[in-house]
C-alpha atoms as a PDB file:
ATOM      1  CA  MET A   1      32.982  35.131 -24.781  1.00  0.00           C
ATOM      2  CA  LYS A   2      36.230  33.418 -23.395  1.00  0.00           C
ATOM      3  CA  ARG A   3      37.244  32.841 -19.863  1.00  0.00           C
ATOM      4  CA  GLY A   4      39.785  35.396 -18.755  1.00  0.00           C
ATOM      5  CA  TYR A   5      42.100  36.029 -15.981  1.00  0.00           C
ATOM      6  CA  ALA A   6      39.229  36.696 -13.316  1.00  0.00           C
ATOM      7  CA  CYS A   7      38.093  32.945 -14.053  1.00  0.00           C
ATOM      8  CA  GLY A   8      41.374  31.490 -13.064  1.00  0.00           C
ATOM      9  CA  ILE A   9      41.456  29.818 -16.511  1.00  0.00           C
ATOM     10  CA  ARG A  10      43.719  30.408 -19.378  1.00  0.00           C
ATOM     11  CA  HIS A  11      42.265  27.825 -21.604  1.00  0.00           C
ATOM     12  CA  ALA A  12      43.423  26.783 -25.362  1.00  0.00           C
ATOM     13  CA  ARG A  13      41.409  28.695 -28.027  1.00  0.00           C
ATOM     14  CA  GLN A  14      38.667  27.157 -29.416  1.00  0.00           C
ATOM     15  CA  PRO A  15      37.036  27.933 -32.782  1.00  0.00           C
ATOM     16  CA  MET A  16      34.035  30.458 -32.799  1.00  0.00           C
ATOM     17  CA  ARG A  17      30.547  29.065 -32.454  1.00  0.00           C
ATOM     18  CA  HIS A  18      28.952  31.318 -35.246  1.00  0.00           C
ATOM     19  CA  ALA A  19      29.029  30.084 -38.900  1.00  0.00           C
ATOM     20  CA  HIS A  20      30.195  33.261 -40.002  1.00  0.00           C
ATOM     21  CA  THR A  21      33.757  33.154 -38.448  1.00  0.00           C
ATOM     22  CA  ALA A  22      35.548  33.190 -41.679  1.00  0.00           C
ATOM     23  CA  PRO A  23      35.176  36.544 -43.453  1.00  0.00           C
ATOM     24  CA  GLN A  24      35.292  36.404 -47.309  1.00  0.00           C
ATOM     25  CA  ARG A  25      37.123  39.493 -47.417  1.00  0.00           C
ATOM     26  CA  LEU A  26      40.082  38.304 -45.651  1.00  0.00           C
ATOM     27  CA  ASN A  27      42.845  37.194 -47.942  1.00  0.00           C
ATOM     28  CA  SER A  28      44.154  33.600 -47.641  1.00  0.00           C
ATOM     29  CA  GLU A  29      47.430  34.838 -46.097  1.00  0.00           C
ATOM     30  CA  MET A  30      45.624  36.291 -43.143  1.00  0.00           C
ATOM     31  CA  SER A  31      43.238  33.751 -42.855  1.00  0.00           C
ATOM     32  CA  GLN A  32      46.117  31.201 -42.050  1.00  0.00           C
ATOM     33  CA  LYS A  33      47.123  33.631 -38.990  1.00  0.00           C
ATOM     34  CA  GLN A  34      45.601  33.448 -35.463  1.00  0.00           C
ATOM     35  CA  LEU A  35      42.657  35.950 -35.600  1.00  0.00           C
ATOM     36  CA  PRO A  36      40.827  37.863 -32.740  1.00  0.00           C
ATOM     37  CA  LYS A  37      37.841  36.607 -31.239  1.00  0.00           C
ATOM     38  CA  THR A  38      36.978  39.340 -29.032  1.00  0.00           C
ATOM     39  CA  ALA A  39      37.387  43.224 -29.421  1.00  0.00           C
ATOM     40  CA  PHE A  40      37.303  46.043 -27.213  1.00  0.00           C
ATOM     41  CA  ILE A  41      36.483  49.292 -28.895  1.00  0.00           C
ATOM     42  CA  THR A  42      36.335  53.024 -27.076  1.00  0.00           C
ATOM     43  CA  GLY A  43      34.135  55.628 -28.630  1.00  0.00           C
ATOM     44  CA  ALA A  44      31.933  53.094 -30.185  1.00  0.00           C
ATOM     45  CA  ALA A  45      28.514  54.686 -30.250  1.00  0.00           C
ATOM     46  CA  ALA A  46      28.717  56.927 -33.205  1.00  0.00           C
ATOM     47  CA  GLY A  47      30.902  57.610 -36.239  1.00  0.00           C
ATOM     48  CA  ILE A  48      34.299  55.484 -36.775  1.00  0.00           C
ATOM     49  CA  GLY A  49      33.714  53.773 -33.620  1.00  0.00           C
ATOM     50  CA  ARG A  50      30.395  52.642 -34.605  1.00  0.00           C
ATOM     51  CA  ALA A  51      31.599  51.773 -38.084  1.00  0.00           C
ATOM     52  CA  TYR A  52      34.566  49.557 -36.278  1.00  0.00           C
ATOM     53  CA  ALA A  53      31.944  47.664 -33.981  1.00  0.00           C
ATOM     54  CA  LEU A  54      29.932  46.794 -37.174  1.00  0.00           C
ATOM     55  CA  GLU A  55      32.694  45.706 -39.317  1.00  0.00           C
ATOM     56  CA  CYS A  56      34.017  43.590 -36.422  1.00  0.00           C
ATOM     57  CA  ALA A  57      30.842  42.033 -35.849  1.00  0.00           C
ATOM     58  CA  SER A  58      30.454  41.080 -39.775  1.00  0.00           C
ATOM     59  CA  ARG A  59      33.770  39.096 -39.121  1.00  0.00           C
ATOM     60  CA  GLY A  60      32.388  37.209 -36.292  1.00  0.00           C
ATOM     61  CA  ILE A  61      34.340  39.264 -33.464  1.00  0.00           C
ATOM     62  CA  GLU A  62      32.596  39.439 -30.274  1.00  0.00           C
ATOM     63  CA  LEU A  63      32.483  43.080 -28.885  1.00  0.00           C
ATOM     64  CA  VAL A  64      32.863  44.811 -25.725  1.00  0.00           C
ATOM     65  CA  CYS A  65      32.221  48.485 -26.459  1.00  0.00           C
ATOM     66  CA  ALA A  66      32.595  51.728 -24.338  1.00  0.00           C
ATOM     67  CA  ASP A  67      31.333  55.205 -24.747  1.00  0.00           C
ATOM     68  CA  ILE A  68      29.772  58.050 -22.784  1.00  0.00           C
ATOM     69  CA  ASN A  69      26.514  57.871 -25.220  1.00  0.00           C
ATOM     70  CA  SER A  70      24.187  55.205 -23.653  1.00  0.00           C
ATOM     71  CA  GLU A  71      21.720  55.802 -26.137  1.00  0.00           C
ATOM     72  CA  GLY A  72      24.035  55.121 -29.080  1.00  0.00           C
ATOM     73  CA  LEU A  73      25.382  52.050 -27.306  1.00  0.00           C
ATOM     74  CA  ASP A  74      21.751  50.574 -26.898  1.00  0.00           C
ATOM     75  CA  VAL A  75      21.113  51.270 -30.492  1.00  0.00           C
ATOM     76  CA  LEU A  76      24.324  49.805 -31.818  1.00  0.00           C
ATOM     77  CA  LYS A  77      23.745  46.697 -29.537  1.00  0.00           C
ATOM     78  CA  SER A  78      20.154  46.040 -30.771  1.00  0.00           C
ATOM     79  CA  GLU A  79      21.520  46.347 -34.358  1.00  0.00           C
ATOM     80  CA  ILE A  80      24.472  43.867 -33.996  1.00  0.00           C
ATOM     81  CA  GLN A  81      22.516  41.477 -32.030  1.00  0.00           C
ATOM     82  CA  GLU A  82      19.701  41.530 -34.983  1.00  0.00           C
ATOM     83  CA  LYS A  83      22.260  41.545 -37.559  1.00  0.00           C
ATOM     84  CA  TYR A  84      25.029  38.961 -36.628  1.00  0.00           C
ATOM     85  CA  SER A  85      23.530  37.258 -33.585  1.00  0.00           C
ATOM     86  CA  ILE A  86      26.928  37.667 -31.678  1.00  0.00           C
ATOM     87  CA  GLU A  87      27.648  38.645 -28.305  1.00  0.00           C
ATOM     88  CA  ILE A  88      28.151  42.341 -27.368  1.00  0.00           C
ATOM     89  CA  HIS A  89      28.637  44.091 -24.068  1.00  0.00           C
ATOM     90  CA  THR A  90      28.148  47.726 -23.500  1.00  0.00           C
ATOM     91  CA  ILE A  91      29.877  50.049 -21.020  1.00  0.00           C
ATOM     92  CA  VAL A  92      28.775  53.534 -20.584  1.00  0.00           C
ATOM     93  CA  LEU A  93      31.964  55.378 -19.462  1.00  0.00           C
ATOM     94  CA  ASP A  94      33.654  58.860 -19.838  1.00  0.00           C
ATOM     95  CA  MET A  95      36.843  57.524 -21.225  1.00  0.00           C
ATOM     96  CA  SER A  96      38.221  60.916 -20.323  1.00  0.00           C
ATOM     97  CA  GLN A  97      38.379  60.003 -16.622  1.00  0.00           C
ATOM     98  CA  ALA A  98      41.528  58.776 -15.254  1.00  0.00           C
ATOM     99  CA  ASP A  99      39.904  55.590 -13.787  1.00  0.00           C
ATOM    100  CA  SER A 100      38.000  54.662 -16.916  1.00  0.00           C
ATOM    101  CA  PRO A 101      40.653  52.315 -18.510  1.00  0.00           C
ATOM    102  CA  LYS A 102      40.990  50.410 -15.154  1.00  0.00           C
ATOM    103  CA  LYS A 103      37.019  50.073 -15.030  1.00  0.00           C
ATOM    104  CA  CYS A 104      37.344  48.752 -18.764  1.00  0.00           C
ATOM    105  CA  LEU A 105      39.639  46.042 -17.574  1.00  0.00           C
ATOM    106  CA  ASP A 106      37.839  45.189 -14.281  1.00  0.00           C
ATOM    107  CA  TYR A 107      34.387  44.870 -16.552  1.00  0.00           C
ATOM    108  CA  CYS A 108      36.418  42.223 -18.813  1.00  0.00           C
ATOM    109  CA  ASP A 109      37.687  40.333 -15.802  1.00  0.00           C
ATOM    110  CA  GLN A 110      34.509  40.237 -13.770  1.00  0.00           C
ATOM    111  CA  ASN A 111      32.819  38.818 -16.897  1.00  0.00           C
ATOM    112  CA  CYS A 112      35.599  36.417 -17.910  1.00  0.00           C
ATOM    113  CA  ILE A 113      36.512  38.313 -21.142  1.00  0.00           C
ATOM    114  CA  GLU A 114      39.950  38.099 -22.846  1.00  0.00           C
ATOM    115  CA  ILE A 115      40.567  40.962 -25.335  1.00  0.00           C
ATOM    116  CA  ASP A 116      42.288  39.788 -28.443  1.00  0.00           C
ATOM    117  CA  LEU A 117      41.991  43.339 -30.365  1.00  0.00           C
ATOM    118  CA  LEU A 118      41.984  46.487 -28.614  1.00  0.00           C
ATOM    119  CA  ILE A 119      40.749  49.601 -30.765  1.00  0.00           C
ATOM    120  CA  ASN A 120      41.690  52.957 -29.169  1.00  0.00           C
ATOM    121  CA  ASN A 121      39.382  55.132 -30.963  1.00  0.00           C
ATOM    122  CA  ALA A 122      37.635  57.525 -28.507  1.00  0.00           C
ATOM    123  CA  GLY A 123      38.439  61.185 -29.393  1.00  0.00           C
ATOM    124  CA  ILE A 124      37.268  64.717 -30.313  1.00  0.00           C
ATOM    125  CA  PHE A 125      38.073  67.307 -32.884  1.00  0.00           C
ATOM    126  CA  ILE A 126      38.724  70.972 -32.212  1.00  0.00           C
ATOM    127  CA  PHE A 127      39.504  73.730 -35.064  1.00  0.00           C
ATOM    128  CA  ASP A 128      40.054  76.744 -33.226  1.00  0.00           C
ATOM    129  CA  PRO A 129      43.065  79.348 -32.494  1.00  0.00           C
ATOM    130  CA  PHE A 130      44.843  77.854 -29.533  1.00  0.00           C
ATOM    131  CA  LEU A 131      44.537  80.752 -27.579  1.00  0.00           C
ATOM    132  CA  ASP A 132      40.902  81.137 -28.110  1.00  0.00           C
ATOM    133  CA  ALA A 133      39.874  77.431 -27.693  1.00  0.00           C
ATOM    134  CA  ASP A 134      37.940  76.196 -24.745  1.00  0.00           C
ATOM    135  CA  ILE A 135      40.597  75.150 -21.987  1.00  0.00           C
ATOM    136  CA  ASN A 136      38.098  72.435 -21.020  1.00  0.00           C
ATOM    137  CA  ARG A 137      37.781  70.955 -24.522  1.00  0.00           C
ATOM    138  CA  ILE A 138      41.522  71.001 -24.820  1.00  0.00           C
ATOM    139  CA  GLU A 139      41.914  69.043 -21.468  1.00  0.00           C
ATOM    140  CA  LEU A 140      39.356  66.716 -22.680  1.00  0.00           C
ATOM    141  CA  MET A 141      41.188  65.990 -26.049  1.00  0.00           C
ATOM    142  CA  ILE A 142      44.391  65.570 -24.237  1.00  0.00           C
ATOM    143  CA  ASN A 143      42.820  63.340 -21.671  1.00  0.00           C
ATOM    144  CA  LEU A 144      41.140  61.185 -24.551  1.00  0.00           C
ATOM    145  CA  HIS A 145      43.953  61.076 -27.226  1.00  0.00           C
ATOM    146  CA  ILE A 146      46.828  60.736 -24.775  1.00  0.00           C
ATOM    147  CA  ALA A 147      45.920  59.556 -21.190  1.00  0.00           C
ATOM    148  CA  CYS A 148      43.185  57.273 -21.921  1.00  0.00           C
ATOM    149  CA  MET A 149      44.732  55.576 -24.902  1.00  0.00           C
ATOM    150  CA  THR A 150      48.084  55.210 -23.051  1.00  0.00           C
ATOM    151  CA  ARG A 151      46.559  53.470 -20.150  1.00  0.00           C
ATOM    152  CA  MET A 152      44.542  51.273 -22.379  1.00  0.00           C
ATOM    153  CA  CYS A 153      47.540  50.217 -24.155  1.00  0.00           C
ATOM    154  CA  ARG A 154      49.486  49.712 -21.089  1.00  0.00           C
ATOM    155  CA  LEU A 155      46.466  47.655 -19.083  1.00  0.00           C
ATOM    156  CA  PHE A 156      45.233  45.581 -22.222  1.00  0.00           C
ATOM    157  CA  GLY A 157      49.025  45.349 -23.555  1.00  0.00           C
ATOM    158  CA  GLU A 158      50.279  43.444 -20.460  1.00  0.00           C
ATOM    159  CA  ARG A 159      47.579  40.915 -21.051  1.00  0.00           C
ATOM    160  CA  MET A 160      48.246  40.285 -24.511  1.00  0.00           C
ATOM    161  CA  LYS A 161      52.062  40.132 -23.831  1.00  0.00           C
ATOM    162  CA  SER A 162      51.575  37.588 -21.240  1.00  0.00           C
ATOM    163  CA  ARG A 163      49.494  35.549 -23.535  1.00  0.00           C
ATOM    164  CA  ARG A 164      51.720  36.011 -26.607  1.00  0.00           C
ATOM    165  CA  PHE A 165      48.658  37.129 -28.691  1.00  0.00           C
ATOM    166  CA  GLY A 166      46.790  40.221 -29.560  1.00  0.00           C
ATOM    167  CA  TYR A 167      46.253  43.130 -31.731  1.00  0.00           C
ATOM    168  CA  ILE A 168      46.174  47.071 -30.873  1.00  0.00           C
ATOM    169  CA  LEU A 169      44.661  49.445 -33.195  1.00  0.00           C
ATOM    170  CA  ASN A 170      45.305  53.158 -32.357  1.00  0.00           C
ATOM    171  CA  MET A 171      43.755  55.985 -34.293  1.00  0.00           C
ATOM    172  CA  SER A 172      46.103  58.703 -35.223  1.00  0.00           C
ATOM    173  CA  SER A 173      45.783  60.790 -38.072  1.00  0.00           C
ATOM    174  CA  MET A 174      47.302  62.293 -41.238  1.00  0.00           C
ATOM    175  CA  SER A 175      47.214  65.572 -39.456  1.00  0.00           C
ATOM    176  CA  VAL A 176      50.488  64.416 -37.962  1.00  0.00           C
ATOM    177  CA  TRP A 177      52.049  65.803 -41.059  1.00  0.00           C
ATOM    178  CA  MET A 178      49.936  68.870 -41.202  1.00  0.00           C
ATOM    179  CA  MET A 179      51.416  71.772 -39.146  1.00  0.00           C
ATOM    180  CA  MET A 180      48.665  73.947 -39.841  1.00  0.00           C
ATOM    181  CA  PRO A 181      46.693  76.503 -37.651  1.00  0.00           C
ATOM    182  CA  GLY A 182      43.700  75.512 -35.933  1.00  0.00           C
ATOM    183  CA  ILE A 183      44.450  71.835 -35.314  1.00  0.00           C
ATOM    184  CA  ASN A 184      47.119  72.841 -32.976  1.00  0.00           C
ATOM    185  CA  VAL A 185      46.616  70.322 -29.977  1.00  0.00           C
ATOM    186  CA  TYR A 186      44.824  67.874 -32.337  1.00  0.00           C
ATOM    187  CA  ASN A 187      47.512  67.103 -34.565  1.00  0.00           C
ATOM    188  CA  ALA A 188      49.983  67.265 -31.591  1.00  0.00           C
ATOM    189  CA  SER A 189      47.801  64.840 -29.739  1.00  0.00           C
ATOM    190  CA  LYS A 190      47.535  62.239 -33.103  1.00  0.00           C
ATOM    191  CA  ALA A 191      51.421  62.634 -33.412  1.00  0.00           C
ATOM    192  CA  TYR A 192      51.956  61.259 -29.814  1.00  0.00           C
ATOM    193  CA  ILE A 193      49.524  58.198 -30.470  1.00  0.00           C
ATOM    194  CA  ARG A 194      51.644  57.651 -33.926  1.00  0.00           C
ATOM    195  CA  GLY A 195      54.991  57.762 -31.982  1.00  0.00           C
ATOM    196  CA  LEU A 196      53.825  55.735 -28.982  1.00  0.00           C
ATOM    197  CA  SER A 197      52.349  53.100 -31.418  1.00  0.00           C
ATOM    198  CA  ARG A 198      55.419  52.749 -33.568  1.00  0.00           C
ATOM    199  CA  SER A 199      57.459  52.474 -30.464  1.00  0.00           C
ATOM    200  CA  LEU A 200      55.260  49.734 -28.952  1.00  0.00           C
ATOM    201  CA  TYR A 201      55.339  47.959 -32.303  1.00  0.00           C
ATOM    202  CA  PHE A 202      59.044  46.849 -32.025  1.00  0.00           C
ATOM    203  CA  GLU A 203      58.721  46.383 -27.940  1.00  0.00           C
ATOM    204  CA  LEU A 204      55.602  44.090 -28.630  1.00  0.00           C
ATOM    205  CA  LYS A 205      56.732  42.164 -31.818  1.00  0.00           C
ATOM    206  CA  PRO A 206      58.461  39.384 -30.159  1.00  0.00           C
ATOM    207  CA  TYR A 207      55.810  38.428 -27.950  1.00  0.00           C
ATOM    208  CA  ASN A 208      53.346  37.963 -31.101  1.00  0.00           C
ATOM    209  CA  VAL A 209      51.265  41.071 -30.551  1.00  0.00           C
ATOM    210  CA  GLY A 210      50.853  43.639 -33.227  1.00  0.00           C
ATOM    211  CA  VAL A 211      50.478  47.518 -32.582  1.00  0.00           C
ATOM    212  CA  THR A 212      49.107  49.744 -35.735  1.00  0.00           C
ATOM    213  CA  ALA A 213      48.695  53.177 -35.857  1.00  0.00           C
ATOM    214  CA  ILE A 214      46.145  54.181 -38.449  1.00  0.00           C
ATOM    215  CA  CYS A 215      46.544  57.633 -40.052  1.00  0.00           C
ATOM    216  CA  PRO A 216      43.431  58.485 -42.136  1.00  0.00           C
ATOM    217  CA  ALA A 217      42.842  61.772 -43.870  1.00  0.00           C
ATOM    218  CA  GLY A 218      39.177  63.313 -43.698  1.00  0.00           C
ATOM    219  CA  VAL A 219      36.598  60.872 -42.505  1.00  0.00           C
ATOM    220  CA  ASP A 220      33.002  61.501 -43.346  1.00  0.00           C
ATOM    221  CA  THR A 221      31.613  61.723 -39.946  1.00  0.00           C
ATOM    222  CA  GLN A 222      29.806  64.474 -37.599  1.00  0.00           C
ATOM    223  CA  LEU A 223      32.949  64.929 -35.999  1.00  0.00           C
ATOM    224  CA  LEU A 224      34.399  66.995 -38.951  1.00  0.00           C
ATOM    225  CA  PRO A 225      32.428  70.124 -38.864  1.00  0.00           C
ATOM    226  CA  LEU A 226      32.619  70.953 -42.848  1.00  0.00           C
ATOM    227  CA  PRO A 227      29.878  72.973 -44.889  1.00  0.00           C
ATOM    228  CA  ASP A 228      27.628  70.890 -47.209  1.00  0.00           C
ATOM    229  CA  LYS A 229      29.395  72.308 -50.236  1.00  0.00           C
ATOM    230  CA  LEU A 230      32.936  71.687 -49.161  1.00  0.00           C
ATOM    231  CA  ARG A 231      32.013  68.256 -47.663  1.00  0.00           C
ATOM    232  CA  LYS A 232      30.448  67.210 -51.121  1.00  0.00           C
ATOM    233  CA  ILE A 233      33.626  68.256 -52.932  1.00  0.00           C
ATOM    234  CA  ALA A 234      36.123  66.429 -50.366  1.00  0.00           C
ATOM    235  CA  ARG A 235      33.603  63.448 -50.878  1.00  0.00           C
ATOM    236  CA  ASN A 236      34.118  63.564 -54.593  1.00  0.00           C
ATOM    237  CA  THR A 237      38.000  64.074 -54.699  1.00  0.00           C
ATOM    238  CA  GLY A 238      38.297  61.213 -52.089  1.00  0.00           C
ATOM    239  CA  PHE A 239      39.766  63.141 -49.579  1.00  0.00           C
ATOM    240  CA  LEU A 240      36.853  62.608 -47.090  1.00  0.00           C
ATOM    241  CA  MET A 241      36.468  58.698 -46.876  1.00  0.00           C
ATOM    242  CA  ASN A 242      33.482  56.736 -45.868  1.00  0.00           C
ATOM    243  CA  PRO A 243      33.700  55.395 -42.300  1.00  0.00           C
ATOM    244  CA  ALA A 244      32.926  51.777 -43.508  1.00  0.00           C
ATOM    245  CA  LYS A 245      35.563  51.749 -45.974  1.00  0.00           C
ATOM    246  CA  LEU A 246      38.182  53.233 -43.621  1.00  0.00           C
ATOM    247  CA  VAL A 247      37.494  50.647 -40.883  1.00  0.00           C
ATOM    248  CA  ARG A 248      37.631  47.650 -43.410  1.00  0.00           C
ATOM    249  CA  LEU A 249      41.112  49.073 -44.420  1.00  0.00           C
ATOM    250  CA  ALA A 250      42.434  49.802 -41.058  1.00  0.00           C
ATOM    251  CA  LEU A 251      41.224  46.415 -39.639  1.00  0.00           C
ATOM    252  CA  ASN A 252      42.869  44.580 -42.698  1.00  0.00           C
ATOM    253  CA  ALA A 253      46.398  46.507 -41.933  1.00  0.00           C
ATOM    254  CA  THR A 254      46.075  45.689 -38.311  1.00  0.00           C
ATOM    255  CA  LEU A 255      45.382  42.063 -38.854  1.00  0.00           C
ATOM    256  CA  LYS A 256      48.465  42.091 -41.080  1.00  0.00           C
ATOM    257  CA  LYS A 257      50.423  43.599 -37.996  1.00  0.00           C
ATOM    258  CA  LYS A 258      51.547  46.615 -40.070  1.00  0.00           C
ATOM    259  CA  ILE A 259      53.325  49.256 -38.132  1.00  0.00           C
ATOM    260  CA  GLN A 260      51.315  51.977 -39.606  1.00  0.00           C
ATOM    261  CA  SER A 261      48.493  52.469 -42.455  1.00  0.00           C
ATOM    262  CA  ILE A 262      47.435  55.560 -44.285  1.00  0.00           C
ATOM    263  CA  PRO A 263      44.256  54.265 -45.859  1.00  0.00           C
ATOM    264  CA  GLY A 264      43.786  55.148 -49.384  1.00  0.00           C
ATOM    265  CA  ILE A 265      46.171  55.615 -52.557  1.00  0.00           C
ATOM    266  CA  LEU A 266      45.535  59.104 -53.018  1.00  0.00           C
ATOM    267  CA  ASN A 267      45.835  59.743 -49.134  1.00  0.00           C
ATOM    268  CA  ASN A 268      49.385  58.167 -49.296  1.00  0.00           C
ATOM    269  CA  LEU A 269      50.285  60.655 -51.891  1.00  0.00           C
ATOM    270  CA  PHE A 270      48.657  63.480 -50.117  1.00  0.00           C
ATOM    271  CA  ALA A 271      50.722  62.594 -46.915  1.00  0.00           C
ATOM    272  CA  PHE A 272      53.921  62.714 -48.786  1.00  0.00           C
ATOM    273  CA  PHE A 273      52.967  66.239 -50.158  1.00  0.00           C
ATOM    274  CA  MET A 274      52.114  67.154 -46.688  1.00  0.00           C
ATOM    275  CA  MET A 275      55.428  66.315 -45.508  1.00  0.00           C
ATOM    276  CA  ILE A 276      57.387  68.594 -48.015  1.00  0.00           C
ATOM    277  CA  LEU A 277      55.040  71.564 -47.950  1.00  0.00           C
ATOM    278  CA  PRO A 278      57.088  74.674 -47.229  1.00  0.00           C
ATOM    279  CA  ASN A 279      55.932  76.991 -44.499  1.00  0.00           C
ATOM    280  CA  TRP A 280      55.527  79.904 -46.747  1.00  0.00           C
ATOM    281  CA  LEU A 281      52.995  78.009 -48.942  1.00  0.00           C
ATOM    282  CA  ILE A 282      51.077  77.019 -45.760  1.00  0.00           C
ATOM    283  CA  GLU A 283      50.914  80.481 -44.673  1.00  0.00           C
ATOM    284  CA  PHE A 284      49.987  81.837 -48.310  1.00  0.00           C
ATOM    285  CA  VAL A 285      46.880  79.411 -48.445  1.00  0.00           C
ATOM    286  CA  THR A 286      45.585  79.766 -44.999  1.00  0.00           C
ATOM    287  CA  HIS A 287      45.755  83.765 -45.013  1.00  0.00           C
ATOM    288  CA  ARG A 288      43.383  83.373 -48.169  1.00  0.00           C
ATOM    289  CA  LEU A 289      40.951  80.598 -47.006  1.00  0.00           C
ATOM    290  CA  PRO A 290      37.552  82.100 -45.458  1.00  0.00           C
ATOM    291  CA  SER A 291      37.759  79.269 -42.814  1.00  0.00           C
ATOM    292  CA  PHE A 292      41.006  81.023 -41.306  1.00  0.00           C
ATOM    293  CA  LYS A 293      39.723  84.584 -41.253  1.00  0.00           C
ATOM    294  CA  ARG A 294      39.275  84.640 -37.775  1.00  0.00           C
ATOM    295  CA  PHE A 295      42.735  83.563 -37.093  1.00  0.00           C
ATOM    296  CA  TRP A 296      44.507  86.744 -38.120  1.00  0.00           C
ATOM    297  CA  PRO A 297      43.997  90.291 -37.256  1.00  0.00           C
ATOM    298  CA  GLN A 298      41.426  92.410 -38.753  1.00  0.00           C
END
């Protein structure tokens, strides 16, 4: 990996040493731009984070992956090294802890790694009435979605700004336009991610640093608890997107330095529909769906 600040050297960028550094799926416009050589991914051991790691590896991007799941990181590291023969560092960390972002930066400095692409992916999902939800889970979500993401953007964003180069990908959600029961803290925290990302886009653009908010609809991972029948319907209608497809579209949008991306044509239409959905219709529908039955007086 490249030398970083801890090594006292900020050298000119050299071509990647691996033969697979020019991924075929990147269009000609993107290939003319300066592309990232290293990526830092939070929540990388499973689900969307794992898909990001595999996609980055397939593009020749070397990796630093952080997660609380040490076993999942070990499996990921072995798979990537076997398939792509690139350098990958793993850090076992609870990203909900206040000092974890600084530990991530310190690790990179100690190992002489400059991060070109930051992927803030760590997160959880809760579907419960707000007053019934486990307060510890709520605090965990706030720490991951808001505190951790903000600190990571600040610490790594400072380095990117000083180097006049970098990309930041923040995982928001289409739920920012879905003011519905059960996803109360989730959609509020994802709205924060989207809002901060859009502001940072304008602040860092003059320094050649891109900031992109990714706002997917449902993603077919275990994070989203759905009955098998409903999951199958969501897959068939395109509402649930395969993680590999999602991260491919998300990375392409990030490398084009878009301010925001809603992956999938149908999802863009659905997002517009959710923006204009009247409150009476939300109440009408949710009062008739079995999954919301526990929300209302019996």
